[in-house]
Amino acid sequence: MNAQKKAAHWAQDLLDEIRFDVENGKIWFHGERMLLSHAYALWQFREDLIESLGMARAKRFLLRYGYYAGMQDAQIAKKIRPHQSIEEAFAAGPQLHTIRGMVKVTPRLLSFDVEKGLFKGTFDWHDSFEVSYHKKKHGISKEPICWTLLGYASGYTSYFLGKEIAFKETLCEAMGHDHCHIIGKTVDEWEGETDLERSFLPDSIEEELFSLRNEINELKQQNHHDLLDSTQLFDAVGESAAFRQVCRFIGKSLAKQSERVARRRNRRGQRSLCQRPACRQPPRRPAFCGRELRLHSARIGGIGIIRRGKRRVYRRRAEQARQIRARPFGHYFFG
């Protein structure tokens, strides 16, 4: 009980700034409108982001969300404690983090110089709301998962000091540690690019989707045969000798079938003329050319080609076909 009174005392000036306007449906914190939201809703939103955009993009969005919330609280903290020491004013950040119900913050090391732009801080986190929901659904994690809280700490410190400060989580309860532990330094002091810097890099999803759509349209317009190797059969994939032999066999069969269809289309509805000069004009009687008998009358029953002694009769009327079959071979009368 004494610990609760002591905690309420050092943050009483912050608690006094919270006002509920029930009649108008508003919550105020030092003149800024606030929301009383569900922690589960925020966590479920996080899960939806991961499912829709992937782990990396979801982390970037939640880091930004926490960063903007921390910046806003830093602005309010400077207004609430304008005459206190810089350390006491800065302490409003960890206190607000606790008041919001996001995590219990315990400072371990805090050293900074606003004029020189120096900062070094380490903090312990206990009972993070992100850890709580992660353990319920996913159990132990392989990496730190307090993205929103990390963004808040970076945003608050950066705005308060007027210099970009990045925090990293070195211990996390979700990984099985007793508590979470974070370390904050200026961006220049960190080796390599930090998560905070990556989260604010340009990353337009709309442009990426537009580019992918253009690539798909280009692929649709390309000839399907240009996309496949000659040894491949449509979307089939294989490397064995038997597979390649089957593909070649089917390819040749399809090519021959295409040629036959093309020849059939050319003959359909057209006169079949002998290539000899004397036979250029269609005679009234059949003309023999080598082993082929070409009959030149497409108008009176559609008799087409008799090849190698075998008759192929194209008839339009059943009566004319019966008459033709009744006559001896080679004696056709056109009446």
C-alpha atoms as a PDB file:
ATOM      1  CA  MET A   1       0.000   0.000   0.000  1.00  0.00           C
ATOM      2  CA  ASN A   2       2.826   2.388   0.813  1.00  0.00           C
ATOM      3  CA  ALA A   3       4.467   1.622  -2.522  1.00  0.00           C
ATOM      4  CA  GLN A   4       1.237   2.509  -4.360  1.00  0.00           C
ATOM      5  CA  LYS A   5       0.930   5.811  -2.472  1.00  0.00           C
ATOM      6  CA  LYS A   6       4.551   6.648  -3.201  1.00  0.00           C
ATOM      7  CA  ALA A   7       4.103   5.869  -6.911  1.00  0.00           C
ATOM      8  CA  ALA A   8       0.958   7.986  -7.049  1.00  0.00           C
ATOM      9  CA  HIS A   9       2.744  10.853  -5.309  1.00  0.00           C
ATOM     10  CA  TRP A  10       5.640  11.187  -7.760  1.00  0.00           C
ATOM     11  CA  ALA A  11       3.203  11.166 -10.671  1.00  0.00           C
ATOM     12  CA  GLN A  12       0.352  13.092  -9.075  1.00  0.00           C
ATOM     13  CA  ASP A  13       0.850  16.153 -11.251  1.00  0.00           C
ATOM     14  CA  LEU A  14       0.425  13.959 -14.314  1.00  0.00           C
ATOM     15  CA  LEU A  15      -2.653  12.219 -12.927  1.00  0.00           C
ATOM     16  CA  ASP A  16      -4.262  15.574 -12.126  1.00  0.00           C
ATOM     17  CA  GLU A  17      -4.132  16.523 -15.789  1.00  0.00           C
ATOM     18  CA  ILE A  18      -6.408  13.643 -16.801  1.00  0.00           C
ATOM     19  CA  ARG A  19     -10.039  14.698 -17.055  1.00  0.00           C
ATOM     20  CA  PHE A  20     -13.079  12.732 -18.151  1.00  0.00           C
ATOM     21  CA  ASP A  21     -15.763  14.734 -19.951  1.00  0.00           C
ATOM     22  CA  VAL A  22     -18.532  12.137 -19.889  1.00  0.00           C
ATOM     23  CA  GLU A  23     -21.252  14.460 -21.157  1.00  0.00           C
ATOM     24  CA  ASN A  24     -19.368  15.257 -24.360  1.00  0.00           C
ATOM     25  CA  GLY A  25     -17.715  11.843 -24.739  1.00  0.00           C
ATOM     26  CA  LYS A  26     -14.135  13.085 -24.375  1.00  0.00           C
ATOM     27  CA  ILE A  27     -11.047  12.350 -22.315  1.00  0.00           C
ATOM     28  CA  TRP A  28      -8.505  15.136 -21.855  1.00  0.00           C
ATOM     29  CA  PHE A  29      -4.865  15.114 -20.806  1.00  0.00           C
ATOM     30  CA  HIS A  30      -3.571  18.633 -20.348  1.00  0.00           C
ATOM     31  CA  GLY A  31      -5.794  19.921 -23.102  1.00  0.00           C
ATOM     32  CA  GLU A  32      -5.027  17.066 -25.502  1.00  0.00           C
ATOM     33  CA  ARG A  33      -7.756  14.610 -26.380  1.00  0.00           C
ATOM     34  CA  MET A  34      -7.056  11.007 -25.402  1.00  0.00           C
ATOM     35  CA  LEU A  35      -8.654   7.623 -25.947  1.00  0.00           C
ATOM     36  CA  LEU A  36      -9.307   4.805 -23.493  1.00  0.00           C
ATOM     37  CA  SER A  37      -8.808   1.776 -25.698  1.00  0.00           C
ATOM     38  CA  HIS A  38      -8.510  -1.981 -25.277  1.00  0.00           C
ATOM     39  CA  ALA A  39      -5.037  -3.478 -25.158  1.00  0.00           C
ATOM     40  CA  TYR A  40      -6.407  -6.591 -26.860  1.00  0.00           C
ATOM     41  CA  ALA A  41      -7.668  -4.530 -29.814  1.00  0.00           C
ATOM     42  CA  LEU A  42      -4.186  -3.099 -30.355  1.00  0.00           C
ATOM     43  CA  TRP A  43      -2.638  -6.529 -30.080  1.00  0.00           C
ATOM     44  CA  GLN A  44      -5.111  -8.042 -32.551  1.00  0.00           C
ATOM     45  CA  PHE A  45      -4.412  -5.197 -34.928  1.00  0.00           C
ATOM     46  CA  ARG A  46      -0.748  -6.115 -34.643  1.00  0.00           C
ATOM     47  CA  GLU A  47      -1.559  -9.715 -35.545  1.00  0.00           C
ATOM     48  CA  ASP A  48      -3.553  -8.590 -38.583  1.00  0.00           C
ATOM     49  CA  LEU A  49      -0.664  -6.421 -39.751  1.00  0.00           C
ATOM     50  CA  ILE A  50       1.744  -9.346 -39.507  1.00  0.00           C
ATOM     51  CA  GLU A  51      -0.626 -11.603 -41.440  1.00  0.00           C
ATOM     52  CA  SER A  52      -1.292  -9.014 -44.156  1.00  0.00           C
ATOM     53  CA  LEU A  53       2.087  -7.284 -44.535  1.00  0.00           C
ATOM     54  CA  GLY A  54       4.608  -9.620 -42.961  1.00  0.00           C
ATOM     55  CA  MET A  55       6.720  -9.371 -39.827  1.00  0.00           C
ATOM     56  CA  ALA A  56       9.140  -6.706 -41.064  1.00  0.00           C
ATOM     57  CA  ARG A  57       6.513  -4.235 -42.295  1.00  0.00           C
ATOM     58  CA  ALA A  58       4.297  -4.761 -39.229  1.00  0.00           C
ATOM     59  CA  LYS A  59       7.245  -3.962 -36.974  1.00  0.00           C
ATOM     60  CA  ARG A  60       7.919  -0.755 -38.878  1.00  0.00           C
ATOM     61  CA  PHE A  61       4.317   0.411 -38.522  1.00  0.00           C
ATOM     62  CA  LEU A  62       4.132  -0.330 -34.794  1.00  0.00           C
ATOM     63  CA  LEU A  63       7.476   1.363 -34.146  1.00  0.00           C
ATOM     64  CA  ARG A  64       6.097   4.458 -35.852  1.00  0.00           C
ATOM     65  CA  TYR A  65       2.868   4.296 -33.862  1.00  0.00           C
ATOM     66  CA  GLY A  66       4.768   4.171 -30.567  1.00  0.00           C
ATOM     67  CA  TYR A  67       7.176   6.872 -31.765  1.00  0.00           C
ATOM     68  CA  TYR A  68       4.356   9.355 -32.468  1.00  0.00           C
ATOM     69  CA  ALA A  69       2.704   8.613 -29.105  1.00  0.00           C
ATOM     70  CA  GLY A  70       6.013   9.199 -27.297  1.00  0.00           C
ATOM     71  CA  MET A  71       6.570  12.502 -29.106  1.00  0.00           C
ATOM     72  CA  GLN A  72       3.136  13.721 -28.059  1.00  0.00           C
ATOM     73  CA  ASP A  73       3.725  12.815 -24.416  1.00  0.00           C
ATOM     74  CA  ALA A  74       7.109  14.551 -24.425  1.00  0.00           C
ATOM     75  CA  GLN A  75       5.457  17.717 -25.649  1.00  0.00           C
ATOM     76  CA  ILE A  76       2.876  17.523 -22.854  1.00  0.00           C
ATOM     77  CA  ALA A  77       5.501  16.680 -20.203  1.00  0.00           C
ATOM     78  CA  LYS A  78       7.444  19.863 -20.977  1.00  0.00           C
ATOM     79  CA  LYS A  79       4.269  21.880 -20.471  1.00  0.00           C
ATOM     80  CA  ILE A  80       3.344  20.185 -17.190  1.00  0.00           C
ATOM     81  CA  ARG A  81       6.828  20.476 -15.636  1.00  0.00           C
ATOM     82  CA  PRO A  82       8.316  23.660 -17.053  1.00  0.00           C
ATOM     83  CA  HIS A  83      10.094  24.756 -13.850  1.00  0.00           C
ATOM     84  CA  GLN A  84      11.467  21.461 -12.636  1.00  0.00           C
ATOM     85  CA  SER A  85      14.924  20.091 -13.326  1.00  0.00           C
ATOM     86  CA  ILE A  86      15.612  18.456 -16.652  1.00  0.00           C
ATOM     87  CA  GLU A  87      15.874  15.068 -14.987  1.00  0.00           C
ATOM     88  CA  GLU A  88      12.500  15.404 -13.236  1.00  0.00           C
ATOM     89  CA  ALA A  89      10.848  16.655 -16.395  1.00  0.00           C
ATOM     90  CA  PHE A  90      12.323  13.780 -18.397  1.00  0.00           C
ATOM     91  CA  ALA A  91      11.098  11.273 -15.786  1.00  0.00           C
ATOM     92  CA  ALA A  92       7.534  12.087 -16.864  1.00  0.00           C
ATOM     93  CA  GLY A  93       8.091   9.826 -19.883  1.00  0.00           C
ATOM     94  CA  PRO A  94       8.645   6.553 -18.000  1.00  0.00           C
ATOM     95  CA  GLN A  95       5.907   7.612 -15.585  1.00  0.00           C
ATOM     96  CA  LEU A  96       3.405   8.181 -18.391  1.00  0.00           C
ATOM     97  CA  HIS A  97       4.400   4.844 -19.867  1.00  0.00           C
ATOM     98  CA  THR A  98       3.349   3.280 -16.570  1.00  0.00           C
ATOM     99  CA  ILE A  99       0.204   5.400 -16.135  1.00  0.00           C
ATOM    100  CA  ARG A 100      -1.018   4.353 -19.569  1.00  0.00           C
ATOM    101  CA  GLY A 101      -0.929   0.710 -18.439  1.00  0.00           C
ATOM    102  CA  MET A 102       1.515  -0.298 -21.167  1.00  0.00           C
ATOM    103  CA  VAL A 103       4.422  -1.422 -18.979  1.00  0.00           C
ATOM    104  CA  LYS A 104       6.034  -0.833 -15.606  1.00  0.00           C
ATOM    105  CA  VAL A 105       9.275   1.111 -16.126  1.00  0.00           C
ATOM    106  CA  THR A 106      12.256   1.044 -13.755  1.00  0.00           C
ATOM    107  CA  PRO A 107      15.180   3.370 -14.674  1.00  0.00           C
ATOM    108  CA  ARG A 108      18.623   1.828 -14.194  1.00  0.00           C
ATOM    109  CA  LEU A 109      20.953   4.376 -15.755  1.00  0.00           C
ATOM    110  CA  LEU A 110      20.207   7.853 -17.030  1.00  0.00           C
ATOM    111  CA  SER A 111      22.869  10.248 -18.252  1.00  0.00           C
ATOM    112  CA  PHE A 112      22.364  13.002 -20.815  1.00  0.00           C
ATOM    113  CA  ASP A 113      23.470  16.465 -21.819  1.00  0.00           C
ATOM    114  CA  VAL A 114      20.947  18.419 -23.855  1.00  0.00           C
ATOM    115  CA  GLU A 115      23.382  21.098 -25.013  1.00  0.00           C
ATOM    116  CA  LYS A 116      25.980  18.610 -26.227  1.00  0.00           C
ATOM    117  CA  GLY A 117      23.414  16.179 -27.547  1.00  0.00           C
ATOM    118  CA  LEU A 118      24.605  13.256 -25.432  1.00  0.00           C
ATOM    119  CA  PHE A 119      22.386  10.536 -24.010  1.00  0.00           C
ATOM    120  CA  LYS A 120      22.794   7.132 -22.411  1.00  0.00           C
ATOM    121  CA  GLY A 121      19.948   5.375 -20.647  1.00  0.00           C
ATOM    122  CA  THR A 122      19.037   1.863 -19.583  1.00  0.00           C
ATOM    123  CA  PHE A 123      15.635   0.785 -18.280  1.00  0.00           C
ATOM    124  CA  ASP A 124      13.924  -2.399 -17.118  1.00  0.00           C
ATOM    125  CA  TRP A 125      10.412  -3.227 -18.245  1.00  0.00           C
ATOM    126  CA  HIS A 126       8.061  -5.460 -16.292  1.00  0.00           C
ATOM    127  CA  ASP A 127       4.683  -6.897 -17.375  1.00  0.00           C
ATOM    128  CA  SER A 128       4.658  -5.493 -20.893  1.00  0.00           C
ATOM    129  CA  PHE A 129       1.208  -5.762 -22.460  1.00  0.00           C
ATOM    130  CA  GLU A 130       2.803  -6.961 -25.708  1.00  0.00           C
ATOM    131  CA  VAL A 131       4.590  -9.770 -23.892  1.00  0.00           C
ATOM    132  CA  SER A 132       1.411 -10.759 -22.079  1.00  0.00           C
ATOM    133  CA  TYR A 133      -0.622 -11.313 -25.246  1.00  0.00           C
ATOM    134  CA  HIS A 134       2.276 -12.835 -27.160  1.00  0.00           C
ATOM    135  CA  LYS A 135       2.775 -15.539 -24.537  1.00  0.00           C
ATOM    136  CA  LYS A 136      -0.941 -16.372 -24.557  1.00  0.00           C
ATOM    137  CA  LYS A 137      -1.025 -16.968 -28.299  1.00  0.00           C
ATOM    138  CA  HIS A 138       2.503 -17.838 -29.413  1.00  0.00           C
ATOM    139  CA  GLY A 139       4.441 -18.834 -26.308  1.00  0.00           C
ATOM    140  CA  ILE A 140       8.191 -18.214 -26.250  1.00  0.00           C
ATOM    141  CA  SER A 141       9.596 -15.941 -28.942  1.00  0.00           C
ATOM    142  CA  LYS A 142      12.980 -16.106 -30.659  1.00  0.00           C
ATOM    143  CA  GLU A 143      13.412 -12.317 -30.682  1.00  0.00           C
ATOM    144  CA  PRO A 144      12.206  -9.249 -28.727  1.00  0.00           C
ATOM    145  CA  ILE A 145       8.612  -8.332 -29.520  1.00  0.00           C
ATOM    146  CA  CYS A 146       7.921  -5.047 -27.644  1.00  0.00           C
ATOM    147  CA  TRP A 147       7.817  -2.929 -30.792  1.00  0.00           C
ATOM    148  CA  THR A 148       5.232  -0.375 -29.720  1.00  0.00           C
ATOM    149  CA  LEU A 149       6.926   0.248 -26.371  1.00  0.00           C
ATOM    150  CA  LEU A 150      10.307   0.571 -28.055  1.00  0.00           C
ATOM    151  CA  GLY A 151       8.942   3.161 -30.477  1.00  0.00           C
ATOM    152  CA  TYR A 152       7.407   5.104 -27.581  1.00  0.00           C
ATOM    153  CA  ALA A 153      10.709   5.300 -25.692  1.00  0.00           C
ATOM    154  CA  SER A 154      12.560   6.442 -28.827  1.00  0.00           C
ATOM    155  CA  GLY A 155       9.947   9.037 -29.741  1.00  0.00           C
ATOM    156  CA  TYR A 156       9.709  10.512 -26.258  1.00  0.00           C
ATOM    157  CA  THR A 157      13.480  10.796 -25.774  1.00  0.00           C
ATOM    158  CA  SER A 158      14.133  12.142 -29.277  1.00  0.00           C
ATOM    159  CA  TYR A 159      11.576  14.935 -28.918  1.00  0.00           C
ATOM    160  CA  PHE A 160      12.611  15.783 -25.386  1.00  0.00           C
ATOM    161  CA  LEU A 161      16.310  16.130 -26.219  1.00  0.00           C
ATOM    162  CA  GLY A 162      15.894  17.452 -29.755  1.00  0.00           C
ATOM    163  CA  LYS A 163      18.177  14.724 -31.133  1.00  0.00           C
ATOM    164  CA  GLU A 164      17.420  11.368 -32.648  1.00  0.00           C
ATOM    165  CA  ILE A 165      17.658   8.692 -29.954  1.00  0.00           C
ATOM    166  CA  ALA A 166      17.193   5.007 -30.712  1.00  0.00           C
ATOM    167  CA  PHE A 167      16.440   2.282 -28.165  1.00  0.00           C
ATOM    168  CA  LYS A 168      17.155  -1.396 -28.549  1.00  0.00           C
ATOM    169  CA  GLU A 169      15.639  -4.234 -26.551  1.00  0.00           C
ATOM    170  CA  THR A 170      18.385  -6.562 -25.363  1.00  0.00           C
ATOM    171  CA  LEU A 171      16.263  -8.716 -23.035  1.00  0.00           C
ATOM    172  CA  CYS A 172      12.611  -9.643 -23.428  1.00  0.00           C
ATOM    173  CA  GLU A 173      10.207 -11.581 -21.233  1.00  0.00           C
ATOM    174  CA  ALA A 174       8.723 -13.137 -24.370  1.00  0.00           C
ATOM    175  CA  MET A 175      12.085 -14.845 -24.922  1.00  0.00           C
ATOM    176  CA  GLY A 176      12.021 -16.356 -21.423  1.00  0.00           C
ATOM    177  CA  HIS A 177      13.931 -13.648 -19.532  1.00  0.00           C
ATOM    178  CA  ASP A 178      12.812 -12.384 -16.126  1.00  0.00           C
ATOM    179  CA  HIS A 179      12.143  -8.910 -17.510  1.00  0.00           C
ATOM    180  CA  CYS A 180      12.676  -6.754 -20.560  1.00  0.00           C
ATOM    181  CA  HIS A 181      15.720  -4.523 -20.754  1.00  0.00           C
ATOM    182  CA  ILE A 182      16.325  -1.631 -23.151  1.00  0.00           C
ATOM    183  CA  ILE A 183      19.350   0.531 -23.929  1.00  0.00           C
ATOM    184  CA  GLY A 184      19.093   3.975 -25.502  1.00  0.00           C
ATOM    185  CA  LYS A 185      21.787   5.969 -27.305  1.00  0.00           C
ATOM    186  CA  THR A 186      22.013   8.522 -30.040  1.00  0.00           C
ATOM    187  CA  VAL A 187      21.661   7.116 -33.554  1.00  0.00           C
ATOM    188  CA  ASP A 188      25.266   8.057 -34.329  1.00  0.00           C
ATOM    189  CA  GLU A 189      26.572   5.927 -31.460  1.00  0.00           C
ATOM    190  CA  TRP A 190      24.921   2.734 -32.683  1.00  0.00           C
ATOM    191  CA  GLU A 191      26.851   0.566 -35.109  1.00  0.00           C
ATOM    192  CA  GLY A 192      24.931   0.018 -38.304  1.00  0.00           C
ATOM    193  CA  GLU A 193      21.357   0.948 -39.084  1.00  0.00           C
ATOM    194  CA  THR A 194      18.839   0.760 -36.237  1.00  0.00           C
ATOM    195  CA  ASP A 195      15.263  -0.504 -36.397  1.00  0.00           C
ATOM    196  CA  LEU A 196      14.090   3.060 -35.813  1.00  0.00           C
ATOM    197  CA  GLU A 197      15.932   4.336 -38.879  1.00  0.00           C
ATOM    198  CA  ARG A 198      14.644   1.481 -41.028  1.00  0.00           C
ATOM    199  CA  SER A 199      11.080   2.100 -39.906  1.00  0.00           C
ATOM    200  CA  PHE A 200      11.112   5.604 -41.405  1.00  0.00           C
ATOM    201  CA  LEU A 201      12.650   4.689 -44.736  1.00  0.00           C
ATOM    202  CA  PRO A 202      10.366   5.253 -47.766  1.00  0.00           C
ATOM    203  CA  ASP A 203       8.358   2.101 -48.371  1.00  0.00           C
ATOM    204  CA  SER A 204       5.361   2.662 -50.609  1.00  0.00           C
ATOM    205  CA  ILE A 205       3.207  -0.458 -50.750  1.00  0.00           C
ATOM    206  CA  GLU A 206       1.034   1.136 -53.430  1.00  0.00           C
ATOM    207  CA  GLU A 207       4.009   1.612 -55.760  1.00  0.00           C
ATOM    208  CA  GLU A 208       5.158  -1.949 -55.170  1.00  0.00           C
ATOM    209  CA  LEU A 209       1.695  -3.344 -55.942  1.00  0.00           C
ATOM    210  CA  PHE A 210       1.457  -1.179 -59.062  1.00  0.00           C
ATOM    211  CA  SER A 211       4.841  -2.430 -60.249  1.00  0.00           C
ATOM    212  CA  LEU A 212       3.832  -6.050 -59.689  1.00  0.00           C
ATOM    213  CA  ARG A 213       0.596  -5.524 -61.594  1.00  0.00           C
ATOM    214  CA  ASN A 214       2.526  -4.124 -64.562  1.00  0.00           C
ATOM    215  CA  GLU A 215       4.847  -7.111 -64.559  1.00  0.00           C
ATOM    216  CA  ILE A 216       1.875  -9.480 -64.560  1.00  0.00           C
ATOM    217  CA  ASN A 217       0.295  -7.643 -67.498  1.00  0.00           C
ATOM    218  CA  GLU A 218       3.555  -7.833 -69.447  1.00  0.00           C
ATOM    219  CA  LEU A 219       3.804 -11.560 -68.816  1.00  0.00           C
ATOM    220  CA  LYS A 220       0.248 -12.066 -70.047  1.00  0.00           C
ATOM    221  CA  GLN A 221       1.027 -10.246 -73.285  1.00  0.00           C
ATOM    222  CA  GLN A 222       4.100 -12.290 -74.073  1.00  0.00           C
ATOM    223  CA  ASN A 223       3.863 -15.358 -76.250  1.00  0.00           C
ATOM    224  CA  HIS A 224       3.545 -18.448 -74.134  1.00  0.00           C
ATOM    225  CA  HIS A 225       6.047 -20.324 -76.266  1.00  0.00           C
ATOM    226  CA  ASP A 226       8.693 -17.640 -75.698  1.00  0.00           C
ATOM    227  CA  LEU A 227       8.545 -18.217 -71.948  1.00  0.00           C
ATOM    228  CA  LEU A 228       9.180 -21.952 -72.137  1.00  0.00           C
ATOM    229  CA  ASP A 229      12.201 -23.935 -73.191  1.00  0.00           C
ATOM    230  CA  SER A 230      11.854 -26.117 -76.235  1.00  0.00           C
ATOM    231  CA  THR A 231      12.221 -29.201 -74.050  1.00  0.00           C
ATOM    232  CA  GLN A 232       9.368 -28.167 -71.794  1.00  0.00           C
ATOM    233  CA  LEU A 233       5.726 -29.038 -72.309  1.00  0.00           C
ATOM    234  CA  PHE A 234       3.513 -26.131 -71.257  1.00  0.00           C
ATOM    235  CA  ASP A 235       3.911 -25.770 -67.469  1.00  0.00           C
ATOM    236  CA  ALA A 236       5.489 -29.181 -66.972  1.00  0.00           C
ATOM    237  CA  VAL A 237       8.983 -29.358 -65.509  1.00  0.00           C
ATOM    238  CA  GLY A 238      11.365 -32.281 -65.778  1.00  0.00           C
ATOM    239  CA  GLU A 239      14.961 -33.203 -66.493  1.00  0.00           C
ATOM    240  CA  SER A 240      14.960 -36.950 -67.106  1.00  0.00           C
ATOM    241  CA  ALA A 241      15.649 -38.384 -70.561  1.00  0.00           C
ATOM    242  CA  ALA A 242      12.274 -40.150 -70.659  1.00  0.00           C
ATOM    243  CA  PHE A 243      10.465 -36.930 -69.825  1.00  0.00           C
ATOM    244  CA  ARG A 244      12.270 -35.010 -72.557  1.00  0.00           C
ATOM    245  CA  GLN A 245      11.529 -37.761 -75.079  1.00  0.00           C
ATOM    246  CA  VAL A 246       7.824 -37.663 -74.270  1.00  0.00           C
ATOM    247  CA  CYS A 247       7.818 -33.868 -74.609  1.00  0.00           C
ATOM    248  CA  ARG A 248       9.487 -34.064 -78.028  1.00  0.00           C
ATOM    249  CA  PHE A 249       7.065 -36.734 -79.208  1.00  0.00           C
ATOM    250  CA  ILE A 250       4.021 -34.728 -78.125  1.00  0.00           C
ATOM    251  CA  GLY A 251       5.476 -31.559 -79.632  1.00  0.00           C
ATOM    252  CA  LYS A 252       5.947 -33.240 -83.015  1.00  0.00           C
ATOM    253  CA  SER A 253       2.446 -34.706 -82.873  1.00  0.00           C
ATOM    254  CA  LEU A 254       0.950 -31.316 -82.145  1.00  0.00           C
ATOM    255  CA  ALA A 255       2.909 -29.756 -85.020  1.00  0.00           C
ATOM    256  CA  LYS A 256       1.691 -32.386 -87.490  1.00  0.00           C
ATOM    257  CA  GLN A 257      -1.856 -32.010 -86.264  1.00  0.00           C
ATOM    258  CA  SER A 258      -1.627 -28.249 -86.773  1.00  0.00           C
ATOM    259  CA  GLU A 259      -0.421 -28.754 -90.368  1.00  0.00           C
ATOM    260  CA  ARG A 260      -3.286 -31.120 -91.144  1.00  0.00           C
ATOM    261  CA  VAL A 261      -5.814 -28.696 -89.713  1.00  0.00           C
ATOM    262  CA  ALA A 262      -4.328 -25.867 -91.796  1.00  0.00           C
ATOM    263  CA  ARG A 263      -4.482 -27.942 -95.015  1.00  0.00           C
ATOM    264  CA  ARG A 264      -8.058 -28.944 -94.281  1.00  0.00           C
ATOM    265  CA  ARG A 265      -9.053 -25.335 -93.800  1.00  0.00           C
ATOM    266  CA  ASN A 266      -7.416 -24.359 -97.082  1.00  0.00           C
ATOM    267  CA  ARG A 267      -9.291 -27.069 -99.019  1.00  0.00           C
ATOM    268  CA  ARG A 268     -12.647 -26.354 -97.436  1.00  0.00           C
ATOM    269  CA  GLY A 269     -14.899 -24.452 -99.833  1.00  0.00           C
ATOM    270  CA  GLN A 270     -12.123 -23.986-102.460  1.00  0.00           C
ATOM    271  CA  ARG A 271     -11.508 -25.530-105.880  1.00  0.00           C
ATOM    272  CA  SER A 272      -8.659 -28.024-106.181  1.00  0.00           C
ATOM    273  CA  LEU A 273      -6.742 -27.108-109.358  1.00  0.00           C
ATOM    274  CA  CYS A 274      -4.029 -29.119-111.007  1.00  0.00           C
ATOM    275  CA  GLN A 275      -0.643 -27.425-111.190  1.00  0.00           C
ATOM    276  CA  ARG A 276      -0.058 -28.361-114.833  1.00  0.00           C
ATOM    277  CA  PRO A 277      -0.502 -25.506-117.342  1.00  0.00           C
ATOM    278  CA  ALA A 278      -3.041 -27.523-119.313  1.00  0.00           C
ATOM    279  CA  CYS A 279      -5.103 -28.090-116.253  1.00  0.00           C
ATOM    280  CA  ARG A 280      -5.270 -24.513-114.992  1.00  0.00           C
ATOM    281  CA  GLN A 281      -8.822 -24.193-116.269  1.00  0.00           C
ATOM    282  CA  PRO A 282     -11.269 -26.539-114.529  1.00  0.00           C
ATOM    283  CA  PRO A 283     -12.391 -29.124-117.141  1.00  0.00           C
ATOM    284  CA  ARG A 284     -15.761 -30.765-117.208  1.00  0.00           C
ATOM    285  CA  ARG A 285     -14.173 -34.216-116.793  1.00  0.00           C
ATOM    286  CA  PRO A 286     -11.743 -35.398-114.140  1.00  0.00           C
ATOM    287  CA  ALA A 287      -8.047 -34.849-114.901  1.00  0.00           C
ATOM    288  CA  PHE A 288      -5.387 -37.322-113.745  1.00  0.00           C
ATOM    289  CA  CYS A 289      -2.058 -35.929-112.530  1.00  0.00           C
ATOM    290  CA  GLY A 290       0.360 -38.621-111.402  1.00  0.00           C
ATOM    291  CA  ARG A 291      -1.229 -40.738-108.715  1.00  0.00           C
ATOM    292  CA  GLU A 292      -3.794 -38.123-107.820  1.00  0.00           C
ATOM    293  CA  LEU A 293      -7.173 -37.599-109.359  1.00  0.00           C
ATOM    294  CA  ARG A 294      -8.337 -34.062-108.969  1.00  0.00           C
ATOM    295  CA  LEU A 295     -11.981 -33.407-109.685  1.00  0.00           C
ATOM    296  CA  HIS A 296     -12.754 -29.835-110.597  1.00  0.00           C
ATOM    297  CA  SER A 297     -16.270 -29.151-109.669  1.00  0.00           C
ATOM    298  CA  ALA A 298     -17.016 -27.773-106.257  1.00  0.00           C
ATOM    299  CA  ARG A 299     -20.430 -26.562-107.239  1.00  0.00           C
ATOM    300  CA  ILE A 300     -22.393 -29.685-108.010  1.00  0.00           C
ATOM    301  CA  GLY A 301     -22.159 -31.866-105.003  1.00  0.00           C
ATOM    302  CA  GLY A 302     -18.753 -30.989-103.642  1.00  0.00           C
ATOM    303  CA  ILE A 303     -16.677 -33.931-104.971  1.00  0.00           C
ATOM    304  CA  GLY A 304     -13.151 -33.155-103.827  1.00  0.00           C
ATOM    305  CA  ILE A 305     -10.066 -35.380-104.111  1.00  0.00           C
ATOM    306  CA  ILE A 306      -9.642 -39.034-104.952  1.00  0.00           C
ATOM    307  CA  ARG A 307      -6.120 -40.018-103.927  1.00  0.00           C
ATOM    308  CA  ARG A 308      -4.264 -43.289-104.566  1.00  0.00           C
ATOM    309  CA  GLY A 309      -7.410 -45.120-105.642  1.00  0.00           C
ATOM    310  CA  LYS A 310      -9.294 -44.274-102.490  1.00  0.00           C
ATOM    311  CA  ARG A 311     -12.309 -42.075-102.799  1.00  0.00           C
ATOM    312  CA  ARG A 312     -12.896 -39.181-100.396  1.00  0.00           C
ATOM    313  CA  VAL A 313     -16.320 -37.883-101.217  1.00  0.00           C
ATOM    314  CA  TYR A 314     -17.606 -34.600 -99.884  1.00  0.00           C
ATOM    315  CA  ARG A 315     -21.280 -34.449-100.560  1.00  0.00           C
ATOM    316  CA  ARG A 316     -23.905 -31.949 -99.771  1.00  0.00           C
ATOM    317  CA  ARG A 317     -26.837 -34.038-100.724  1.00  0.00           C
ATOM    318  CA  ALA A 318     -27.381 -37.646 -99.773  1.00  0.00           C
ATOM    319  CA  GLU A 319     -29.020 -38.474-103.086  1.00  0.00           C
ATOM    320  CA  GLN A 320     -25.994 -37.384-105.172  1.00  0.00           C
ATOM    321  CA  ALA A 321     -23.643 -39.370-102.941  1.00  0.00           C
ATOM    322  CA  ARG A 322     -25.647 -42.559-103.477  1.00  0.00           C
ATOM    323  CA  GLN A 323     -25.572 -42.047-107.234  1.00  0.00           C
ATOM    324  CA  ILE A 324     -21.820 -41.605-107.208  1.00  0.00           C
ATOM    325  CA  ARG A 325     -21.203 -44.781-105.206  1.00  0.00           C
ATOM    326  CA  ALA A 326     -23.443 -46.763-107.597  1.00  0.00           C
ATOM    327  CA  ARG A 327     -21.234 -46.043-110.618  1.00  0.00           C
ATOM    328  CA  PRO A 328     -17.990 -47.938-111.433  1.00  0.00           C
ATOM    329  CA  PHE A 329     -14.713 -46.447-110.297  1.00  0.00           C
ATOM    330  CA  GLY A 330     -13.424 -43.709-112.570  1.00  0.00           C
ATOM    331  CA  HIS A 331     -16.746 -43.180-114.377  1.00  0.00           C
ATOM    332  CA  TYR A 332     -18.306 -40.171-112.816  1.00  0.00           C
ATOM    333  CA  PHE A 333     -20.972 -38.206-114.516  1.00  0.00           C
ATOM    334  CA  PHE A 334     -21.715 -34.668-113.549  1.00  0.00           C
ATOM    335  CA  GLY A 335     -25.242 -33.796-114.262  1.00  0.00           C
END
